[in-house]
């Protein structure tokens, strides 16, 4: 997962308008293209969230009182780093446009 974090550092986190014709070149269908991108975005979202929670669990302190709040600068920096990452949908779109996503179809059933 660390390679994804280093790779996305150069991606602009803001959404941009895209040319539909360039998106549809590979699949021939807008909906198939969006399905591929959304599936990859879901994978990225789950992976990044899991990784963030693992890193934040290292700082977890179990205490009996709710009033005690421990601020850890490392924990805050980790959280800010993940907040600055581009949206998983934007990352997935860039991967698709650069030809880094590989997809295949399940066998079609004849009903």
C-alpha atoms as a PDB file:
ATOM      1  CA  UNK A   1       0.000   0.000   0.000  1.00  0.00           C
ATOM      2  CA  UNK A   2       2.892   2.365   0.592  1.00  0.00           C
ATOM      3  CA  UNK A   3       3.548   2.516  -3.148  1.00  0.00           C
ATOM      4  CA  UNK A   4       0.054   3.925  -3.704  1.00  0.00           C
ATOM      5  CA  UNK A   5       0.639   6.651  -1.132  1.00  0.00           C
ATOM      6  CA  UNK A   6       3.881   7.700  -2.770  1.00  0.00           C
ATOM      7  CA  UNK A   7       2.383   7.500  -6.256  1.00  0.00           C
ATOM      8  CA  UNK A   8      -0.636   9.684  -5.464  1.00  0.00           C
ATOM      9  CA  UNK A   9       1.420  12.529  -4.031  1.00  0.00           C
ATOM     10  CA  UNK A  10       1.585  14.134  -7.483  1.00  0.00           C
ATOM     11  CA  UNK A  11      -2.133  13.798  -8.246  1.00  0.00           C
ATOM     12  CA  UNK A  12      -4.229  16.945  -8.033  1.00  0.00           C
ATOM     13  CA  UNK A  13      -6.831  16.276  -5.289  1.00  0.00           C
ATOM     14  CA  UNK A  14      -9.491  18.420  -6.952  1.00  0.00           C
ATOM     15  CA  UNK A  15     -12.039  16.958  -9.338  1.00  0.00           C
ATOM     16  CA  UNK A  16     -11.667  17.792 -13.019  1.00  0.00           C
ATOM     17  CA  UNK A  17     -13.944  17.519 -16.014  1.00  0.00           C
ATOM     18  CA  UNK A  18     -13.077  14.529 -18.191  1.00  0.00           C
ATOM     19  CA  UNK A  19     -13.684  13.775 -21.826  1.00  0.00           C
ATOM     20  CA  UNK A  20     -16.173  10.916 -22.015  1.00  0.00           C
ATOM     21  CA  UNK A  21     -14.758   9.697 -25.325  1.00  0.00           C
ATOM     22  CA  UNK A  22     -11.338   9.036 -23.786  1.00  0.00           C
ATOM     23  CA  UNK A  23     -12.942   7.155 -20.901  1.00  0.00           C
ATOM     24  CA  UNK A  24     -14.995   4.946 -23.192  1.00  0.00           C
ATOM     25  CA  UNK A  25     -12.188   4.021 -25.605  1.00  0.00           C
ATOM     26  CA  UNK A  26     -11.196   0.878 -23.719  1.00  0.00           C
ATOM     27  CA  UNK A  27     -14.607  -0.549 -22.810  1.00  0.00           C
ATOM     28  CA  UNK A  28     -16.950   0.993 -25.344  1.00  0.00           C
ATOM     29  CA  UNK A  29     -19.510   1.688 -22.635  1.00  0.00           C
ATOM     30  CA  UNK A  30     -19.694   4.567 -20.158  1.00  0.00           C
ATOM     31  CA  UNK A  31     -21.392   2.473 -17.488  1.00  0.00           C
ATOM     32  CA  UNK A  32     -18.816  -0.320 -17.672  1.00  0.00           C
ATOM     33  CA  UNK A  33     -16.040   2.238 -17.362  1.00  0.00           C
ATOM     34  CA  UNK A  34     -17.659   3.857 -14.333  1.00  0.00           C
ATOM     35  CA  UNK A  35     -18.229   0.449 -12.761  1.00  0.00           C
ATOM     36  CA  UNK A  36     -14.547  -0.445 -13.159  1.00  0.00           C
ATOM     37  CA  UNK A  37     -13.442   2.886 -11.692  1.00  0.00           C
ATOM     38  CA  UNK A  38     -15.915   2.719  -8.799  1.00  0.00           C
ATOM     39  CA  UNK A  39     -14.893  -0.837  -7.902  1.00  0.00           C
ATOM     40  CA  UNK A  40     -11.252   0.213  -7.778  1.00  0.00           C
ATOM     41  CA  UNK A  41     -12.150   3.296  -5.740  1.00  0.00           C
ATOM     42  CA  UNK A  42     -13.934   1.076  -3.216  1.00  0.00           C
ATOM     43  CA  UNK A  43     -10.849  -1.159  -2.973  1.00  0.00           C
ATOM     44  CA  UNK A  44      -8.598   1.848  -2.409  1.00  0.00           C
ATOM     45  CA  UNK A  45     -10.944   3.311   0.182  1.00  0.00           C
ATOM     46  CA  UNK A  46     -11.046   0.095   2.205  1.00  0.00           C
ATOM     47  CA  UNK A  47      -7.269  -0.379   1.996  1.00  0.00           C
ATOM     48  CA  UNK A  48      -6.441   3.192   2.995  1.00  0.00           C
ATOM     49  CA  UNK A  49      -8.959   3.182   5.847  1.00  0.00           C
ATOM     50  CA  UNK A  50      -7.613  -0.128   7.162  1.00  0.00           C
ATOM     51  CA  UNK A  51      -4.047   1.159   7.012  1.00  0.00           C
ATOM     52  CA  UNK A  52      -4.976   4.408   8.768  1.00  0.00           C
ATOM     53  CA  UNK A  53      -6.754   2.566  11.578  1.00  0.00           C
ATOM     54  CA  UNK A  54      -3.764   0.268  12.040  1.00  0.00           C
ATOM     55  CA  UNK A  55      -1.437   3.244  12.402  1.00  0.00           C
ATOM     56  CA  UNK A  56      -3.778   5.077  14.769  1.00  0.00           C
ATOM     57  CA  UNK A  57      -4.248   1.963  16.912  1.00  0.00           C
ATOM     58  CA  UNK A  58      -0.560   2.152  17.782  1.00  0.00           C
ATOM     59  CA  UNK A  59      -1.331   5.362  19.675  1.00  0.00           C
ATOM     60  CA  UNK A  60      -4.487   4.093  21.366  1.00  0.00           C
ATOM     61  CA  UNK A  61      -4.403   4.338  25.130  1.00  0.00           C
ATOM     62  CA  UNK A  62      -7.079   2.638  27.147  1.00  0.00           C
ATOM     63  CA  UNK A  63      -8.138   4.807  30.042  1.00  0.00           C
ATOM     64  CA  UNK A  64     -11.086   4.653  32.378  1.00  0.00           C
ATOM     65  CA  UNK A  65     -11.942   8.326  32.272  1.00  0.00           C
ATOM     66  CA  UNK A  66     -13.408  10.086  29.306  1.00  0.00           C
ATOM     67  CA  UNK A  67     -12.032  13.484  30.311  1.00  0.00           C
ATOM     68  CA  UNK A  68      -8.450  12.494  29.637  1.00  0.00           C
ATOM     69  CA  UNK A  69      -7.510  13.430  26.105  1.00  0.00           C
ATOM     70  CA  UNK A  70      -4.002  12.787  24.933  1.00  0.00           C
ATOM     71  CA  UNK A  71      -2.839  14.737  21.932  1.00  0.00           C
ATOM     72  CA  UNK A  72       0.020  13.147  20.125  1.00  0.00           C
ATOM     73  CA  UNK A  73       1.721  15.173  17.387  1.00  0.00           C
ATOM     74  CA  UNK A  74       2.634  12.052  15.420  1.00  0.00           C
ATOM     75  CA  UNK A  75      -0.981  10.903  15.472  1.00  0.00           C
ATOM     76  CA  UNK A  76      -2.155  14.307  14.270  1.00  0.00           C
ATOM     77  CA  UNK A  77       0.426  14.319  11.457  1.00  0.00           C
ATOM     78  CA  UNK A  78      -0.644  10.837  10.311  1.00  0.00           C
ATOM     79  CA  UNK A  79      -4.285  11.929  10.262  1.00  0.00           C
ATOM     80  CA  UNK A  80      -3.466  15.093   8.313  1.00  0.00           C
ATOM     81  CA  UNK A  81      -1.425  13.092   5.792  1.00  0.00           C
ATOM     82  CA  UNK A  82      -4.360  10.794   5.060  1.00  0.00           C
ATOM     83  CA  UNK A  83      -6.748  13.747   4.864  1.00  0.00           C
ATOM     84  CA  UNK A  84      -4.556  15.392   2.211  1.00  0.00           C
ATOM     85  CA  UNK A  85      -4.555  12.300  -0.012  1.00  0.00           C
ATOM     86  CA  UNK A  86      -6.780  12.587  -3.073  1.00  0.00           C
ATOM     87  CA  UNK A  87     -10.195  10.991  -2.994  1.00  0.00           C
ATOM     88  CA  UNK A  88     -10.041   7.265  -3.910  1.00  0.00           C
ATOM     89  CA  UNK A  89     -12.314   7.952  -6.889  1.00  0.00           C
ATOM     90  CA  UNK A  90      -9.800  10.467  -8.246  1.00  0.00           C
ATOM     91  CA  UNK A  91      -6.946   8.002  -7.720  1.00  0.00           C
ATOM     92  CA  UNK A  92      -8.914   5.248  -9.479  1.00  0.00           C
ATOM     93  CA  UNK A  93      -9.732   7.583 -12.387  1.00  0.00           C
ATOM     94  CA  UNK A  94      -6.053   8.435 -12.844  1.00  0.00           C
ATOM     95  CA  UNK A  95      -5.103   4.762 -12.710  1.00  0.00           C
ATOM     96  CA  UNK A  96      -7.719   3.966 -15.363  1.00  0.00           C
ATOM     97  CA  UNK A  97      -6.608   6.792 -17.648  1.00  0.00           C
ATOM     98  CA  UNK A  98      -2.948   5.735 -17.346  1.00  0.00           C
ATOM     99  CA  UNK A  99      -3.828   2.128 -18.222  1.00  0.00           C
ATOM    100  CA  UNK A 100      -2.839   0.754 -14.820  1.00  0.00           C
ATOM    101  CA  UNK A 101      -6.176  -0.955 -14.139  1.00  0.00           C
ATOM    102  CA  UNK A 102      -6.718  -4.426 -15.486  1.00  0.00           C
ATOM    103  CA  UNK A 103     -10.227  -5.772 -15.652  1.00  0.00           C
ATOM    104  CA  UNK A 104     -11.906  -8.852 -16.984  1.00  0.00           C
ATOM    105  CA  UNK A 105     -15.427 -10.005 -17.455  1.00  0.00           C
ATOM    106  CA  UNK A 106     -16.972 -12.937 -15.685  1.00  0.00           C
ATOM    107  CA  UNK A 107     -18.260 -15.685 -17.906  1.00  0.00           C
ATOM    108  CA  UNK A 108     -21.517 -14.692 -19.490  1.00  0.00           C
ATOM    109  CA  UNK A 109     -24.396 -17.012 -18.779  1.00  0.00           C
ATOM    110  CA  UNK A 110     -26.979 -17.739 -21.395  1.00  0.00           C
ATOM    111  CA  UNK A 111     -30.422 -17.751 -19.866  1.00  0.00           C
END
